[in-house]
Amino acid sequence: MIKRNYECPRIEISQIELEEGLAAGSATVRTPNASNQVTQEWQQDDTDYRVIEW
C-alpha cells in the first residue's frame, strides 16, 4: 500500500462572462421583404393532450 500526503479540500470559483446571454444563438431575425414590410408568421399546431411521464 502506497501512503500519500494529505491534501486539504479546496473550493475553486470560476467567473464566466457571457457576451449576449444564454439564448443569444437561439433567435431568428427576418429581414423586410421587397416592399419593406416585416411579416410575422406563427405556426399553430393542434392541442396536444398527451400525458408525459417524468
C-alpha atoms as a PDB file:
ATOM      1  CA  MET A   1       0.000   0.000   0.000  1.00  0.00           C
ATOM      2  CA  ILE A   2       1.362   3.398  -1.014  1.00  0.00           C
ATOM      3  CA  LYS A   3       0.860   6.154   1.524  1.00  0.00           C
ATOM      4  CA  ARG A   4       0.166   9.606   0.135  1.00  0.00           C
ATOM      5  CA  ASN A   5       0.386  13.001   1.779  1.00  0.00           C
ATOM      6  CA  TYR A   6      -2.905  14.563   2.914  1.00  0.00           C
ATOM      7  CA  GLU A   7      -4.195  17.410   0.767  1.00  0.00           C
ATOM      8  CA  CYS A   8      -6.722  19.805   2.305  1.00  0.00           C
ATOM      9  CA  PRO A   9     -10.025  20.159   0.426  1.00  0.00           C
ATOM     10  CA  ARG A  10     -10.326  23.361  -1.596  1.00  0.00           C
ATOM     11  CA  ILE A  11     -13.038  25.301  -3.373  1.00  0.00           C
ATOM     12  CA  GLU A  12     -12.326  26.969  -6.685  1.00  0.00           C
ATOM     13  CA  ILE A  13     -14.557  29.622  -8.269  1.00  0.00           C
ATOM     14  CA  SER A  14     -14.542  30.464 -11.966  1.00  0.00           C
ATOM     15  CA  GLN A  15     -16.197  33.635 -13.202  1.00  0.00           C
ATOM     16  CA  ILE A  16     -17.580  33.361 -16.726  1.00  0.00           C
ATOM     17  CA  GLU A  17     -18.766  36.433 -18.598  1.00  0.00           C
ATOM     18  CA  LEU A  18     -21.191  35.830 -21.462  1.00  0.00           C
ATOM     19  CA  GLU A  19     -21.282  38.102 -24.459  1.00  0.00           C
ATOM     20  CA  GLU A  20     -25.053  38.318 -25.003  1.00  0.00           C
ATOM     21  CA  GLY A  21     -26.663  35.765 -22.706  1.00  0.00           C
ATOM     22  CA  LEU A  22     -27.590  32.110 -22.673  1.00  0.00           C
ATOM     23  CA  ALA A  23     -30.118  32.206 -25.511  1.00  0.00           C
ATOM     24  CA  ALA A  24     -28.168  34.506 -27.808  1.00  0.00           C
ATOM     25  CA  GLY A  25     -27.802  31.882 -30.528  1.00  0.00           C
ATOM     26  CA  SER A  26     -31.415  30.726 -30.489  1.00  0.00           C
ATOM     27  CA  ALA A  27     -33.050  33.800 -32.038  1.00  0.00           C
ATOM     28  CA  THR A  28     -34.009  34.114 -35.699  1.00  0.00           C
ATOM     29  CA  VAL A  29     -34.064  37.502 -37.396  1.00  0.00           C
ATOM     30  CA  ARG A  30     -36.140  38.009 -40.540  1.00  0.00           C
ATOM     31  CA  THR A  31     -35.433  40.972 -42.759  1.00  0.00           C
ATOM     32  CA  PRO A  32     -38.114  43.002 -44.581  1.00  0.00           C
ATOM     33  CA  ASN A  33     -39.399  41.795 -47.970  1.00  0.00           C
ATOM     34  CA  ALA A  34     -39.156  43.713 -51.278  1.00  0.00           C
ATOM     35  CA  SER A  35     -41.992  46.047 -50.143  1.00  0.00           C
ATOM     36  CA  ASN A  36     -40.008  46.883 -46.995  1.00  0.00           C
ATOM     37  CA  GLN A  37     -42.621  45.152 -44.808  1.00  0.00           C
ATOM     38  CA  VAL A  38     -41.749  42.878 -41.943  1.00  0.00           C
ATOM     39  CA  THR A  39     -44.076  39.888 -41.731  1.00  0.00           C
ATOM     40  CA  GLN A  40     -44.615  37.566 -38.807  1.00  0.00           C
ATOM     41  CA  GLU A  41     -45.803  34.025 -39.267  1.00  0.00           C
ATOM     42  CA  TRP A  42     -46.936  31.885 -36.348  1.00  0.00           C
ATOM     43  CA  GLN A  43     -47.347  28.171 -36.803  1.00  0.00           C
ATOM     44  CA  GLN A  44     -50.098  26.890 -34.543  1.00  0.00           C
ATOM     45  CA  ASP A  45     -50.341  23.139 -34.082  1.00  0.00           C
ATOM     46  CA  ASP A  46     -53.301  21.188 -32.745  1.00  0.00           C
ATOM     47  CA  THR A  47     -53.598  20.986 -28.973  1.00  0.00           C
ATOM     48  CA  ASP A  48     -51.586  18.097 -27.571  1.00  0.00           C
ATOM     49  CA  TYR A  49     -53.350  16.291 -24.724  1.00  0.00           C
ATOM     50  CA  ARG A  50     -50.762  13.550 -24.167  1.00  0.00           C
ATOM     51  CA  VAL A  51     -49.739  12.627 -20.630  1.00  0.00           C
ATOM     52  CA  ILE A  52     -45.971  12.706 -20.408  1.00  0.00           C
ATOM     53  CA  GLU A  53     -44.327  10.726 -17.618  1.00  0.00           C
ATOM     54  CA  TRP A  54     -41.313  12.409 -15.996  1.00  0.00           C
END
